[in-house]
Every structure is written in structure tokens, then in C-alpha cells.
C-alpha atoms as a PDB file:
ATOM      1  CA  UNK A   1     -56.368 -37.538 -92.529  1.00  0.00           C
ATOM      2  CA  UNK A   2     -57.460 -35.440 -95.496  1.00  0.00           C
ATOM      3  CA  UNK A   3     -57.348 -31.684 -94.758  1.00  0.00           C
ATOM      4  CA  UNK A   4     -60.750 -30.199 -94.096  1.00  0.00           C
ATOM      5  CA  UNK A   5     -61.968 -27.541 -96.506  1.00  0.00           C
ATOM      6  CA  UNK A   6     -62.056 -24.093 -94.914  1.00  0.00           C
ATOM      7  CA  UNK A   7     -64.751 -22.679 -97.198  1.00  0.00           C
ATOM      8  CA  UNK A   8     -67.882 -24.508 -98.258  1.00  0.00           C
ATOM      9  CA  UNK A   9     -70.663 -24.434-100.774  1.00  0.00           C
ATOM     10  CA  UNK A  10     -73.939 -25.984 -99.744  1.00  0.00           C
ATOM     11  CA  UNK A  11     -73.830 -28.876-102.226  1.00  0.00           C
ATOM     12  CA  UNK A  12     -75.444 -31.644-100.167  1.00  0.00           C
ATOM     13  CA  UNK A  13     -78.397 -29.960 -98.572  1.00  0.00           C
ATOM     14  CA  UNK A  14     -81.257 -31.821 -97.020  1.00  0.00           C
ATOM     15  CA  UNK A  15     -83.876 -32.684 -99.595  1.00  0.00           C
ATOM     16  CA  UNK A  16     -87.126 -31.088 -98.471  1.00  0.00           C
ATOM     17  CA  UNK A  17     -90.491 -30.286-100.021  1.00  0.00           C
ATOM     18  CA  UNK A  18     -91.722 -26.684-100.021  1.00  0.00           C
ATOM     19  CA  UNK A  19     -91.248 -25.223 -96.547  1.00  0.00           C
ATOM     20  CA  UNK A  20     -93.943 -25.749 -93.963  1.00  0.00           C
ATOM     21  CA  UNK A  21     -93.988 -26.023 -90.174  1.00  0.00           C
ATOM     22  CA  UNK A  22     -93.056 -29.724 -90.063  1.00  0.00           C
ATOM     23  CA  UNK A  23     -91.860 -31.592 -93.122  1.00  0.00           C
ATOM     24  CA  UNK A  24     -90.198 -34.840 -94.196  1.00  0.00           C
ATOM     25  CA  UNK A  25     -86.498 -34.776 -95.102  1.00  0.00           C
ATOM     26  CA  UNK A  26     -84.171 -37.243 -96.807  1.00  0.00           C
ATOM     27  CA  UNK A  27     -80.442 -37.597 -97.378  1.00  0.00           C
ATOM     28  CA  UNK A  28     -78.272 -40.156 -99.191  1.00  0.00           C
ATOM     29  CA  UNK A  29     -75.242 -41.630 -97.421  1.00  0.00           C
ATOM     30  CA  UNK A  30     -73.288 -42.185-100.633  1.00  0.00           C
ATOM     31  CA  UNK A  31     -71.442 -40.214-101.661  1.00  0.00           C
ATOM     32  CA  UNK A  32     -70.963 -38.818 -98.182  1.00  0.00           C
ATOM     33  CA  UNK A  33     -72.913 -35.564 -97.835  1.00  0.00           C
ATOM     34  CA  UNK A  34     -70.274 -34.332 -95.372  1.00  0.00           C
ATOM     35  CA  UNK A  35     -67.176 -34.996 -97.490  1.00  0.00           C
ATOM     36  CA  UNK A  36     -66.499 -31.288 -98.004  1.00  0.00           C
ATOM     37  CA  UNK A  37     -67.889 -30.006 -94.697  1.00  0.00           C
ATOM     38  CA  UNK A  38     -65.960 -28.628 -91.751  1.00  0.00           C
ATOM     39  CA  UNK A  39     -65.639 -31.335 -89.118  1.00  0.00           C
ATOM     40  CA  UNK A  40     -65.885 -29.802 -85.657  1.00  0.00           C
ATOM     41  CA  UNK A  41     -63.387 -31.810 -83.590  1.00  0.00           C
ATOM     42  CA  UNK A  42     -63.576 -30.876 -79.880  1.00  0.00           C
ATOM     43  CA  UNK A  43     -60.388 -30.925 -77.759  1.00  0.00           C
ATOM     44  CA  UNK A  44     -62.066 -33.288 -75.264  1.00  0.00           C
ATOM     45  CA  UNK A  45     -62.970 -36.494 -77.079  1.00  0.00           C
ATOM     46  CA  UNK A  46     -66.574 -37.600 -77.454  1.00  0.00           C
ATOM     47  CA  UNK A  47     -67.517 -40.966 -75.869  1.00  0.00           C
ATOM     48  CA  UNK A  48     -68.086 -44.140 -77.875  1.00  0.00           C
ATOM     49  CA  UNK A  49     -69.696 -47.547 -77.357  1.00  0.00           C
ATOM     50  CA  UNK A  50     -67.913 -49.984 -75.048  1.00  0.00           C
ATOM     51  CA  UNK A  51     -66.623 -52.065 -77.984  1.00  0.00           C
ATOM     52  CA  UNK A  52     -65.555 -48.994 -79.946  1.00  0.00           C
ATOM     53  CA  UNK A  53     -67.895 -49.824 -82.819  1.00  0.00           C
ATOM     54  CA  UNK A  54     -69.653 -46.467 -82.755  1.00  0.00           C
ATOM     55  CA  UNK A  55     -68.459 -42.932 -83.215  1.00  0.00           C
ATOM     56  CA  UNK A  56     -69.978 -39.475 -83.331  1.00  0.00           C
ATOM     57  CA  UNK A  57     -68.791 -36.767 -85.678  1.00  0.00           C
ATOM     58  CA  UNK A  58     -70.059 -33.217 -85.965  1.00  0.00           C
ATOM     59  CA  UNK A  59     -70.107 -31.374 -89.279  1.00  0.00           C
ATOM     60  CA  UNK A  60     -70.721 -27.758 -90.181  1.00  0.00           C
ATOM     61  CA  UNK A  61     -71.686 -26.392 -93.577  1.00  0.00           C
ATOM     62  CA  UNK A  62     -71.494 -22.689 -94.236  1.00  0.00           C
ATOM     63  CA  UNK A  63     -73.092 -20.762 -97.091  1.00  0.00           C
ATOM     64  CA  UNK A  64     -70.792 -19.168 -99.684  1.00  0.00           C
ATOM     65  CA  UNK A  65     -71.317 -15.725 -98.155  1.00  0.00           C
ATOM     66  CA  UNK A  66     -71.391 -14.504 -94.560  1.00  0.00           C
ATOM     67  CA  UNK A  67     -69.014 -14.542 -91.608  1.00  0.00           C
ATOM     68  CA  UNK A  68     -68.801 -16.141 -88.188  1.00  0.00           C
ATOM     69  CA  UNK A  69     -69.034 -13.346 -85.628  1.00  0.00           C
ATOM     70  CA  UNK A  70     -68.800 -12.965 -81.853  1.00  0.00           C
ATOM     71  CA  UNK A  71     -69.493  -9.436 -80.694  1.00  0.00           C
ATOM     72  CA  UNK A  72     -68.912 -10.024 -76.988  1.00  0.00           C
ATOM     73  CA  UNK A  73     -67.177 -13.363 -76.467  1.00  0.00           C
ATOM     74  CA  UNK A  74     -67.797 -17.092 -76.985  1.00  0.00           C
ATOM     75  CA  UNK A  75     -71.454 -17.028 -75.899  1.00  0.00           C
ATOM     76  CA  UNK A  76     -72.206 -14.603 -78.739  1.00  0.00           C
ATOM     77  CA  UNK A  77     -70.754 -16.784 -81.527  1.00  0.00           C
ATOM     78  CA  UNK A  78     -73.131 -16.437 -84.461  1.00  0.00           C
ATOM     79  CA  UNK A  79     -73.265 -18.237 -87.808  1.00  0.00           C
ATOM     80  CA  UNK A  80     -74.681 -16.737 -91.013  1.00  0.00           C
ATOM     81  CA  UNK A  81     -78.110 -17.730 -92.303  1.00  0.00           C
ATOM     82  CA  UNK A  82     -77.793 -20.815 -94.469  1.00  0.00           C
ATOM     83  CA  UNK A  83     -75.458 -22.612 -92.054  1.00  0.00           C
ATOM     84  CA  UNK A  84     -76.229 -26.240 -91.209  1.00  0.00           C
ATOM     85  CA  UNK A  85     -74.832 -28.343 -88.399  1.00  0.00           C
ATOM     86  CA  UNK A  86     -75.161 -32.162 -88.162  1.00  0.00           C
ATOM     87  CA  UNK A  87     -74.310 -34.544 -85.336  1.00  0.00           C
ATOM     88  CA  UNK A  88     -73.780 -37.867 -87.104  1.00  0.00           C
ATOM     89  CA  UNK A  89     -73.515 -41.224 -85.356  1.00  0.00           C
ATOM     90  CA  UNK A  90     -71.818 -44.088 -87.202  1.00  0.00           C
ATOM     91  CA  UNK A  91     -71.767 -47.788 -86.298  1.00  0.00           C
ATOM     92  CA  UNK A  92     -69.970 -50.847 -87.631  1.00  0.00           C
ATOM     93  CA  UNK A  93     -70.111 -54.573 -86.923  1.00  0.00           C
ATOM     94  CA  UNK A  94     -66.371 -55.157 -86.350  1.00  0.00           C
ATOM     95  CA  UNK A  95     -62.883 -53.758 -86.868  1.00  0.00           C
ATOM     96  CA  UNK A  96     -62.843 -54.570 -90.577  1.00  0.00           C
ATOM     97  CA  UNK A  97     -66.454 -53.613 -91.293  1.00  0.00           C
ATOM     98  CA  UNK A  98     -67.410 -50.341 -92.979  1.00  0.00           C
ATOM     99  CA  UNK A  99     -68.932 -47.510 -90.992  1.00  0.00           C
ATOM    100  CA  UNK A 100     -72.558 -46.654 -91.710  1.00  0.00           C
ATOM    101  CA  UNK A 101     -74.761 -43.841 -90.411  1.00  0.00           C
ATOM    102  CA  UNK A 102     -77.327 -44.870 -87.801  1.00  0.00           C
ATOM    103  CA  UNK A 103     -78.528 -41.454 -86.622  1.00  0.00           C
ATOM    104  CA  UNK A 104     -78.388 -37.791 -87.638  1.00  0.00           C
ATOM    105  CA  UNK A 105     -79.514 -34.883 -85.458  1.00  0.00           C
ATOM    106  CA  UNK A 106     -79.013 -31.362 -86.644  1.00  0.00           C
ATOM    107  CA  UNK A 107     -80.213 -27.890 -87.387  1.00  0.00           C
ATOM    108  CA  UNK A 108     -80.098 -25.294 -90.105  1.00  0.00           C
ATOM    109  CA  UNK A 109     -80.368 -21.539 -89.876  1.00  0.00           C
ATOM    110  CA  UNK A 110     -82.725 -19.710 -92.194  1.00  0.00           C
ATOM    111  CA  UNK A 111     -83.658 -16.064 -92.605  1.00  0.00           C
ATOM    112  CA  UNK A 112     -86.865 -16.924 -90.713  1.00  0.00           C
ATOM    113  CA  UNK A 113     -85.223 -18.710 -87.782  1.00  0.00           C
ATOM    114  CA  UNK A 114     -83.862 -22.102 -86.792  1.00  0.00           C
ATOM    115  CA  UNK A 115     -85.096 -25.517 -87.919  1.00  0.00           C
ATOM    116  CA  UNK A 116     -84.124 -28.844 -86.354  1.00  0.00           C
ATOM    117  CA  UNK A 117     -83.967 -32.189 -88.153  1.00  0.00           C
ATOM    118  CA  UNK A 118     -83.534 -35.874 -87.331  1.00  0.00           C
ATOM    119  CA  UNK A 119     -82.878 -38.745 -89.749  1.00  0.00           C
ATOM    120  CA  UNK A 120     -82.506 -42.541 -89.544  1.00  0.00           C
ATOM    121  CA  UNK A 121     -81.728 -45.263 -92.140  1.00  0.00           C
ATOM    122  CA  UNK A 122     -84.819 -46.507 -93.967  1.00  0.00           C
ATOM    123  CA  UNK A 123     -83.746 -50.155 -93.620  1.00  0.00           C
ATOM    124  CA  UNK A 124     -80.899 -52.481 -92.562  1.00  0.00           C
ATOM    125  CA  UNK A 125     -78.702 -52.065 -95.648  1.00  0.00           C
ATOM    126  CA  UNK A 126     -75.255 -50.577 -95.226  1.00  0.00           C
ATOM    127  CA  UNK A 127     -75.340 -46.938 -96.290  1.00  0.00           C
ATOM    128  CA  UNK A 128     -79.115 -47.052 -96.642  1.00  0.00           C
ATOM    129  CA  UNK A 129     -80.812 -43.769 -97.523  1.00  0.00           C
ATOM    130  CA  UNK A 130     -81.736 -41.601 -94.545  1.00  0.00           C
ATOM    131  CA  UNK A 131     -85.214 -40.264 -93.923  1.00  0.00           C
ATOM    132  CA  UNK A 132     -86.710 -38.217 -91.147  1.00  0.00           C
ATOM    133  CA  UNK A 133     -88.333 -34.953 -90.218  1.00  0.00           C
ATOM    134  CA  UNK A 134     -87.587 -31.254 -89.905  1.00  0.00           C
ATOM    135  CA  UNK A 135     -89.418 -28.822 -87.640  1.00  0.00           C
ATOM    136  CA  UNK A 136     -89.260 -25.207 -86.543  1.00  0.00           C
ATOM    137  CA  UNK A 137     -87.740 -24.207 -83.232  1.00  0.00           C
ATOM    138  CA  UNK A 138     -90.221 -22.921 -80.691  1.00  0.00           C
ATOM    139  CA  UNK A 139     -93.212 -24.772 -82.182  1.00  0.00           C
ATOM    140  CA  UNK A 140     -94.193 -27.669 -79.862  1.00  0.00           C
ATOM    141  CA  UNK A 141     -96.925 -28.915 -82.186  1.00  0.00           C
ATOM    142  CA  UNK A 142     -94.438 -29.190 -85.046  1.00  0.00           C
ATOM    143  CA  UNK A 143     -92.006 -31.070 -82.828  1.00  0.00           C
ATOM    144  CA  UNK A 144     -94.737 -33.532 -81.859  1.00  0.00           C
ATOM    145  CA  UNK A 145     -95.609 -34.056 -85.525  1.00  0.00           C
ATOM    146  CA  UNK A 146     -91.927 -34.709 -86.263  1.00  0.00           C
ATOM    147  CA  UNK A 147     -91.779 -37.169 -83.382  1.00  0.00           C
ATOM    148  CA  UNK A 148     -94.765 -39.052 -84.815  1.00  0.00           C
ATOM    149  CA  UNK A 149     -93.048 -39.210 -88.197  1.00  0.00           C
ATOM    150  CA  UNK A 150     -89.873 -40.589 -86.620  1.00  0.00           C
ATOM    151  CA  UNK A 151     -91.864 -43.131 -84.583  1.00  0.00           C
ATOM    152  CA  UNK A 152     -93.430 -44.463 -87.781  1.00  0.00           C
ATOM    153  CA  UNK A 153     -90.008 -44.679 -89.418  1.00  0.00           C
ATOM    154  CA  UNK A 154     -88.534 -46.571 -86.448  1.00  0.00           C
ATOM    155  CA  UNK A 155     -91.347 -49.121 -86.582  1.00  0.00           C
ATOM    156  CA  UNK A 156     -90.516 -49.867 -90.215  1.00  0.00           C
ATOM    157  CA  UNK A 157     -86.732 -49.679 -90.166  1.00  0.00           C
ATOM    158  CA  UNK A 158     -84.177 -52.090 -88.741  1.00  0.00           C
ATOM    159  CA  UNK A 159     -80.657 -51.346 -87.597  1.00  0.00           C
ATOM    160  CA  UNK A 160     -77.658 -52.252 -89.777  1.00  0.00           C
ATOM    161  CA  UNK A 161     -76.340 -55.846 -89.898  1.00  0.00           C
ATOM    162  CA  UNK A 162     -75.339 -57.368 -86.535  1.00  0.00           C
ATOM    163  CA  UNK A 163     -77.183 -54.574 -84.708  1.00  0.00           C
ATOM    164  CA  UNK A 164     -80.397 -55.714 -82.973  1.00  0.00           C
ATOM    165  CA  UNK A 165     -83.629 -53.876 -83.806  1.00  0.00           C
ATOM    166  CA  UNK A 166     -84.584 -51.156 -81.392  1.00  0.00           C
ATOM    167  CA  UNK A 167     -86.840 -52.479 -78.654  1.00  0.00           C
ATOM    168  CA  UNK A 168     -89.816 -50.532 -77.387  1.00  0.00           C
ATOM    169  CA  UNK A 169     -87.888 -49.011 -74.465  1.00  0.00           C
ATOM    170  CA  UNK A 170     -85.015 -47.942 -76.739  1.00  0.00           C
ATOM    171  CA  UNK A 171     -87.453 -46.425 -79.230  1.00  0.00           C
ATOM    172  CA  UNK A 172     -89.109 -44.427 -76.475  1.00  0.00           C
ATOM    173  CA  UNK A 173     -85.743 -43.183 -75.197  1.00  0.00           C
ATOM    174  CA  UNK A 174     -84.822 -42.128 -78.710  1.00  0.00           C
ATOM    175  CA  UNK A 175     -88.118 -40.361 -79.322  1.00  0.00           C
ATOM    176  CA  UNK A 176     -87.999 -38.652 -75.936  1.00  0.00           C
ATOM    177  CA  UNK A 177     -84.720 -37.061 -76.999  1.00  0.00           C
ATOM    178  CA  UNK A 178     -86.299 -34.861 -79.666  1.00  0.00           C
ATOM    179  CA  UNK A 179     -86.899 -31.728 -77.641  1.00  0.00           C
ATOM    180  CA  UNK A 180     -83.795 -30.129 -79.102  1.00  0.00           C
ATOM    181  CA  UNK A 181     -84.631 -26.617 -77.925  1.00  0.00           C
ATOM    182  CA  UNK A 182     -84.778 -27.818 -74.301  1.00  0.00           C
ATOM    183  CA  UNK A 183     -81.106 -28.838 -74.318  1.00  0.00           C
ATOM    184  CA  UNK A 184     -79.803 -26.302 -76.810  1.00  0.00           C
ATOM    185  CA  UNK A 185     -80.603 -23.082 -75.010  1.00  0.00           C
ATOM    186  CA  UNK A 186     -78.780 -20.014 -76.305  1.00  0.00           C
ATOM    187  CA  UNK A 187     -75.824 -18.593 -74.345  1.00  0.00           C
ATOM    188  CA  UNK A 188     -75.874 -21.322 -71.717  1.00  0.00           C
ATOM    189  CA  UNK A 189     -72.913 -20.940 -69.316  1.00  0.00           C
ATOM    190  CA  UNK A 190     -70.584 -23.747 -68.318  1.00  0.00           C
ATOM    191  CA  UNK A 191     -71.783 -25.687 -65.287  1.00  0.00           C
ATOM    192  CA  UNK A 192     -69.576 -28.477 -63.917  1.00  0.00           C
ATOM    193  CA  UNK A 193     -72.456 -30.093 -62.016  1.00  0.00           C
ATOM    194  CA  UNK A 194     -75.272 -32.193 -63.392  1.00  0.00           C
ATOM    195  CA  UNK A 195     -78.415 -30.142 -63.910  1.00  0.00           C
ATOM    196  CA  UNK A 196     -81.926 -30.937 -62.657  1.00  0.00           C
ATOM    197  CA  UNK A 197     -82.337 -33.471 -65.472  1.00  0.00           C
ATOM    198  CA  UNK A 198     -79.160 -35.286 -64.474  1.00  0.00           C
ATOM    199  CA  UNK A 199     -77.328 -34.001 -67.556  1.00  0.00           C
ATOM    200  CA  UNK A 200     -74.162 -31.890 -67.894  1.00  0.00           C
ATOM    201  CA  UNK A 201     -74.858 -28.255 -68.769  1.00  0.00           C
ATOM    202  CA  UNK A 202     -72.371 -27.617 -71.553  1.00  0.00           C
ATOM    203  CA  UNK A 203     -71.771 -24.032 -72.696  1.00  0.00           C
ATOM    204  CA  UNK A 204     -73.571 -22.885 -75.850  1.00  0.00           C
ATOM    205  CA  UNK A 205     -73.330 -20.060 -78.357  1.00  0.00           C
ATOM    206  CA  UNK A 206     -75.961 -17.610 -79.613  1.00  0.00           C
ATOM    207  CA  UNK A 207     -77.791 -20.433 -81.430  1.00  0.00           C
ATOM    208  CA  UNK A 208     -77.629 -22.956 -78.583  1.00  0.00           C
ATOM    209  CA  UNK A 209     -74.867 -25.030 -80.226  1.00  0.00           C
ATOM    210  CA  UNK A 210     -72.208 -26.833 -78.166  1.00  0.00           C
ATOM    211  CA  UNK A 211     -69.667 -27.765 -80.814  1.00  0.00           C
ATOM    212  CA  UNK A 212     -68.562 -24.339 -82.013  1.00  0.00           C
ATOM    213  CA  UNK A 213     -67.597 -23.190 -78.523  1.00  0.00           C
ATOM    214  CA  UNK A 214     -65.967 -26.545 -77.779  1.00  0.00           C
ATOM    215  CA  UNK A 215     -63.591 -26.325 -80.752  1.00  0.00           C
ATOM    216  CA  UNK A 216     -62.564 -22.820 -79.729  1.00  0.00           C
ATOM    217  CA  UNK A 217     -61.637 -23.836 -76.180  1.00  0.00           C
ATOM    218  CA  UNK A 218     -58.902 -26.097 -74.805  1.00  0.00           C
ATOM    219  CA  UNK A 219     -61.236 -27.728 -72.300  1.00  0.00           C
ATOM    220  CA  UNK A 220     -64.721 -29.156 -71.983  1.00  0.00           C
ATOM    221  CA  UNK A 221     -66.951 -31.383 -69.911  1.00  0.00           C
ATOM    222  CA  UNK A 222     -66.268 -35.113 -70.150  1.00  0.00           C
ATOM    223  CA  UNK A 223     -69.514 -36.601 -71.442  1.00  0.00           C
ATOM    224  CA  UNK A 224     -70.779 -40.061 -70.423  1.00  0.00           C
ATOM    225  CA  UNK A 225     -73.541 -40.374 -73.034  1.00  0.00           C
ATOM    226  CA  UNK A 226     -71.653 -43.488 -74.217  1.00  0.00           C
ATOM    227  CA  UNK A 227     -69.764 -45.772 -71.802  1.00  0.00           C
ATOM    228  CA  UNK A 228     -66.223 -45.648 -73.228  1.00  0.00           C
ATOM    229  CA  UNK A 229     -64.234 -42.511 -72.438  1.00  0.00           C
ATOM    230  CA  UNK A 230     -61.382 -42.180 -74.926  1.00  0.00           C
ATOM    231  CA  UNK A 231     -59.873 -39.305 -72.931  1.00  0.00           C
ATOM    232  CA  UNK A 232     -58.614 -41.731 -70.262  1.00  0.00           C
ATOM    233  CA  UNK A 233     -56.008 -43.102 -72.686  1.00  0.00           C
ATOM    234  CA  UNK A 234     -55.154 -39.788 -74.351  1.00  0.00           C
ATOM    235  CA  UNK A 235     -51.724 -38.608 -73.095  1.00  0.00           C
ATOM    236  CA  UNK A 236     -52.564 -34.994 -73.933  1.00  0.00           C
ATOM    237  CA  UNK A 237     -55.791 -34.815 -71.893  1.00  0.00           C
ATOM    238  CA  UNK A 238     -56.121 -34.380 -68.143  1.00  0.00           C
ATOM    239  CA  UNK A 239     -59.389 -34.232 -66.202  1.00  0.00           C
ATOM    240  CA  UNK A 240     -60.235 -32.516 -62.949  1.00  0.00           C
ATOM    241  CA  UNK A 241     -63.054 -32.255 -60.443  1.00  0.00           C
ATOM    242  CA  UNK A 242     -62.658 -28.687 -59.297  1.00  0.00           C
ATOM    243  CA  UNK A 243     -59.233 -28.465 -57.637  1.00  0.00           C
ATOM    244  CA  UNK A 244     -58.675 -32.245 -57.607  1.00  0.00           C
ATOM    245  CA  UNK A 245     -57.759 -34.735 -60.287  1.00  0.00           C
ATOM    246  CA  UNK A 246     -60.679 -36.759 -61.584  1.00  0.00           C
ATOM    247  CA  UNK A 247     -60.868 -40.421 -60.618  1.00  0.00           C
ATOM    248  CA  UNK A 248     -60.698 -43.209 -63.171  1.00  0.00           C
ATOM    249  CA  UNK A 249     -63.440 -45.719 -62.481  1.00  0.00           C
ATOM    250  CA  UNK A 250     -64.717 -48.752 -64.339  1.00  0.00           C
ATOM    251  CA  UNK A 251     -68.333 -48.741 -65.493  1.00  0.00           C
ATOM    252  CA  UNK A 252     -69.205 -52.236 -66.720  1.00  0.00           C
ATOM    253  CA  UNK A 253     -65.494 -52.904 -67.069  1.00  0.00           C
ATOM    254  CA  UNK A 254     -64.841 -49.806 -69.194  1.00  0.00           C
ATOM    255  CA  UNK A 255     -62.613 -47.043 -67.711  1.00  0.00           C
ATOM    256  CA  UNK A 256     -63.897 -43.482 -67.578  1.00  0.00           C
ATOM    257  CA  UNK A 257     -63.186 -40.277 -65.712  1.00  0.00           C
ATOM    258  CA  UNK A 258     -65.527 -39.621 -62.791  1.00  0.00           C
ATOM    259  CA  UNK A 259     -66.139 -37.082 -60.022  1.00  0.00           C
ATOM    260  CA  UNK A 260     -67.853 -37.552 -56.665  1.00  0.00           C
ATOM    261  CA  UNK A 261     -71.461 -36.500 -56.223  1.00  0.00           C
ATOM    262  CA  UNK A 262     -73.041 -34.594 -59.079  1.00  0.00           C
ATOM    263  CA  UNK A 263     -69.830 -33.008 -60.352  1.00  0.00           C
ATOM    264  CA  UNK A 264     -68.838 -33.525 -63.970  1.00  0.00           C
ATOM    265  CA  UNK A 265     -65.168 -34.029 -64.933  1.00  0.00           C
ATOM    266  CA  UNK A 266     -63.647 -31.131 -66.852  1.00  0.00           C
ATOM    267  CA  UNK A 267     -61.106 -32.296 -69.404  1.00  0.00           C
ATOM    268  CA  UNK A 268     -58.310 -30.154 -70.794  1.00  0.00           C
ATOM    269  CA  UNK A 269     -56.134 -30.826 -73.849  1.00  0.00           C
ATOM    270  CA  UNK A 270     -52.527 -29.663 -73.775  1.00  0.00           C
ATOM    271  CA  UNK A 271     -52.820 -28.211 -77.271  1.00  0.00           C
ATOM    272  CA  UNK A 272     -49.310 -26.757 -77.579  1.00  0.00           C
ATOM    273  CA  UNK A 273     -47.726 -29.992 -76.393  1.00  0.00           C
ATOM    274  CA  UNK A 274     -49.915 -32.041 -78.727  1.00  0.00           C
ATOM    275  CA  UNK A 275     -49.025 -29.841 -81.700  1.00  0.00           C
ATOM    276  CA  UNK A 276     -45.321 -30.083 -80.896  1.00  0.00           C
ATOM    277  CA  UNK A 277     -45.559 -33.875 -80.678  1.00  0.00           C
ATOM    278  CA  UNK A 278     -47.487 -34.109 -83.947  1.00  0.00           C
ATOM    279  CA  UNK A 279     -50.391 -35.820 -82.174  1.00  0.00           C
ATOM    280  CA  UNK A 280     -52.937 -36.779 -84.829  1.00  0.00           C
ATOM    281  CA  UNK A 281     -56.034 -35.916 -82.812  1.00  0.00           C
ATOM    282  CA  UNK A 282     -54.673 -32.543 -81.681  1.00  0.00           C
ATOM    283  CA  UNK A 283     -53.907 -31.689 -85.302  1.00  0.00           C
ATOM    284  CA  UNK A 284     -57.520 -32.519 -86.196  1.00  0.00           C
ATOM    285  CA  UNK A 285     -58.639 -29.975 -83.594  1.00  0.00           C
ATOM    286  CA  UNK A 286     -56.304 -27.485 -85.272  1.00  0.00           C
ATOM    287  CA  UNK A 287     -57.807 -28.245 -88.685  1.00  0.00           C
ATOM    288  CA  UNK A 288     -61.244 -27.370 -87.283  1.00  0.00           C
ATOM    289  CA  UNK A 289     -59.928 -24.124 -85.799  1.00  0.00           C
ATOM    290  CA  UNK A 290     -58.270 -23.056 -89.044  1.00  0.00           C
ATOM    291  CA  UNK A 291     -61.434 -23.786 -91.018  1.00  0.00           C
ATOM    292  CA  UNK A 292     -63.516 -21.688 -88.638  1.00  0.00           C
ATOM    293  CA  UNK A 293     -60.937 -18.891 -88.564  1.00  0.00           C
ATOM    294  CA  UNK A 294     -61.075 -18.669 -92.358  1.00  0.00           C
ATOM    295  CA  UNK A 295     -64.735 -17.666 -92.101  1.00  0.00           C
ATOM    296  CA  UNK A 296     -64.507 -15.328 -89.096  1.00  0.00           C
ATOM    297  CA  UNK A 297     -64.558 -11.578 -89.448  1.00  0.00           C
ATOM    298  CA  UNK A 298     -61.367  -9.794 -88.362  1.00  0.00           C
ATOM    299  CA  UNK A 299     -62.674  -8.802 -84.925  1.00  0.00           C
ATOM    300  CA  UNK A 300     -63.716 -12.373 -84.114  1.00  0.00           C
ATOM    301  CA  UNK A 301     -60.368 -13.789 -85.225  1.00  0.00           C
ATOM    302  CA  UNK A 302     -58.662 -11.310 -82.919  1.00  0.00           C
ATOM    303  CA  UNK A 303     -60.973 -12.279 -80.067  1.00  0.00           C
ATOM    304  CA  UNK A 304     -59.984 -15.960 -80.400  1.00  0.00           C
ATOM    305  CA  UNK A 305     -56.312 -15.320 -81.205  1.00  0.00           C
ATOM    306  CA  UNK A 306     -55.066 -17.220 -78.147  1.00  0.00           C
ATOM    307  CA  UNK A 307     -56.629 -20.528 -79.222  1.00  0.00           C
ATOM    308  CA  UNK A 308     -56.055 -19.994 -82.937  1.00  0.00           C
ATOM    309  CA  UNK A 309     -52.364 -19.082 -82.687  1.00  0.00           C
ATOM    310  CA  UNK A 310     -51.381 -22.329 -80.937  1.00  0.00           C
ATOM    311  CA  UNK A 311     -52.122 -24.177 -84.190  1.00  0.00           C
ATOM    312  CA  UNK A 312     -49.614 -24.058 -87.063  1.00  0.00           C
ATOM    313  CA  UNK A 313     -50.736 -21.870 -89.955  1.00  0.00           C
ATOM    314  CA  UNK A 314     -49.525 -24.495 -92.440  1.00  0.00           C
ATOM    315  CA  UNK A 315     -51.742 -27.607 -92.262  1.00  0.00           C
ATOM    316  CA  UNK A 316     -50.024 -30.866 -91.288  1.00  0.00           C
ATOM    317  CA  UNK A 317     -53.062 -32.973 -90.467  1.00  0.00           C
ATOM    318  CA  UNK A 318     -51.940 -36.344 -91.684  1.00  0.00           C
END
């Protein structure tokens, strides 16, 4: 794997018209707008589709100036204005097929606050241009306008080759998932039980982001948003339900970690052992940590020394 750049310039920003409450956005897939971004690789793997032909990657762009800070621990992690974070879902039609982006959800931080965005391909071509909407946090009317824009886009656009078009029920599920502020509440503590919505309550930072805190921890909740749990086959990850080991069950023939009742499995990566063994995924986690450390102020680096020091200072990320 190519080493991930520790310092970034914002060279592939979302294309937007003059700022207003809700606005259209667009982004080209080629060349990749995330080629020089920090990839945030969590120690507990993200789930994928049952056939493995989907994957989710999370990318962070930082402005040329400004530091990552955390005045009083992980929940206070703060990014500088100008930062942008994207959760990107890729799909492909088989082992030898190229990956193409099917969905982008993200946010950017401005001097005036936080703005969310969502993008989808405009048509069924591989690497088709992405279009969508951006809206301000805390403005329900803007979110509804963005949802209407995305609904119109979904009616016009098809999925990539060999992927069936979204049916009405799938479109509604997708559109219902646009209340980003509801899930991304700031300084949310870890909760190893499903919440009132039947969702895991993952810990967040000062902006309501999951990924930054995940990278800077050795453990995290095992998510079942997709059916295939890659942690089951990872020799450096164990999962527990409180004081007991998590069960491995089969959901539609696909193994995944599970806990009884409403508990959520908590996975933990043996980082030191993975580094010593040269495990490729563990080294990717280390690459993310080094990239973040390079932009932390001195006090924040000291605060996260325990998780940063387990990674070699000299990159060896494949």
C-alpha cells in the first residue's frame, strides 16, 4: 500500500456555487479526489457486503494551517476550520472488476460552522461524476431541501453495471438516512448496547465524528451495517460481550460476531502483536495514526502517546 501523506493541501474540494443554506455539489471520481488524503483506518474493520464486492473507506483532508487538538481527552478532539471528512462507499461487479464510488457522505468545517454533504453517481457509468447536495448543520429546512435534491437525483440515476437500480423501498431507506446531526452528536460516549433506534452508540469527538476517535483507540464496536464481518477472520482481533467472548453466528450464511440481547460486540485489535508480525491491516492503522500525529499540537500528541508509540516511527506500510 502506498504511504498516506501526513500533511495535505485542499486540492480536490467539493465544487459548490456561492454559499447558501442548501446548495448543489459535484465531484469527479477521476482522478481520485482522495488520492492525497489521510485515510482513517479503524482498528476494528468496517463491514462489507456478503459477496465482498463493496467496501467503505473514510478520508480526511486538512487545511494547510491549523492543528488537531484535544484539550481534555478523546471526546474533545477538534479539527481546524477547513477540514473535510468523507465516508466513501465503493462497489464492483466481481473480483477482477474496477471499484467505483456509489455513495459519499461527509462534512466540512467552516468558520461559520459545520456543513454536511451527500453525493451519488449521475448515471451507471463506471467512475461517473458525482452530484448531490450540501446543507448546514442545525437547519432542518435545509436538510429537507437537500433530501429533495437527492431524491430527484436517485430517480434519474442508475447504479453501476451489474447492480440493480434502487427500488422504492431502498430509495426511502437511503433518503431517511440523511439526518446526519441526529447520529453524529458531539462528545457521545461509548455505549455497548443498542440505543432506542436499534443502532450502536459509537463514541464521537467534539464535531460528532466517529472515525477520528476510532483510529486513536485499539478497540471499537463491531458494526453490522453490512452483513459480512471481516473481523471474524482477522487473527489480530478479538470481540467480547462484556466479560464474555462474543459468539460467532451466521446471518444468511455469513459469519459475524454477535452478543445476546441488545448488547453490541466490542472488538479489540492487538496492535503491538500485529505490528510485530508485519500485518498489513495493522500497519494501515499505524499509517493513519502517524498522519494524524503529524498534525497534532504537542499537548495532544502527548495525550495520545500510548496509542501512537505502538506504531513504528519509520513507515513500513507495504
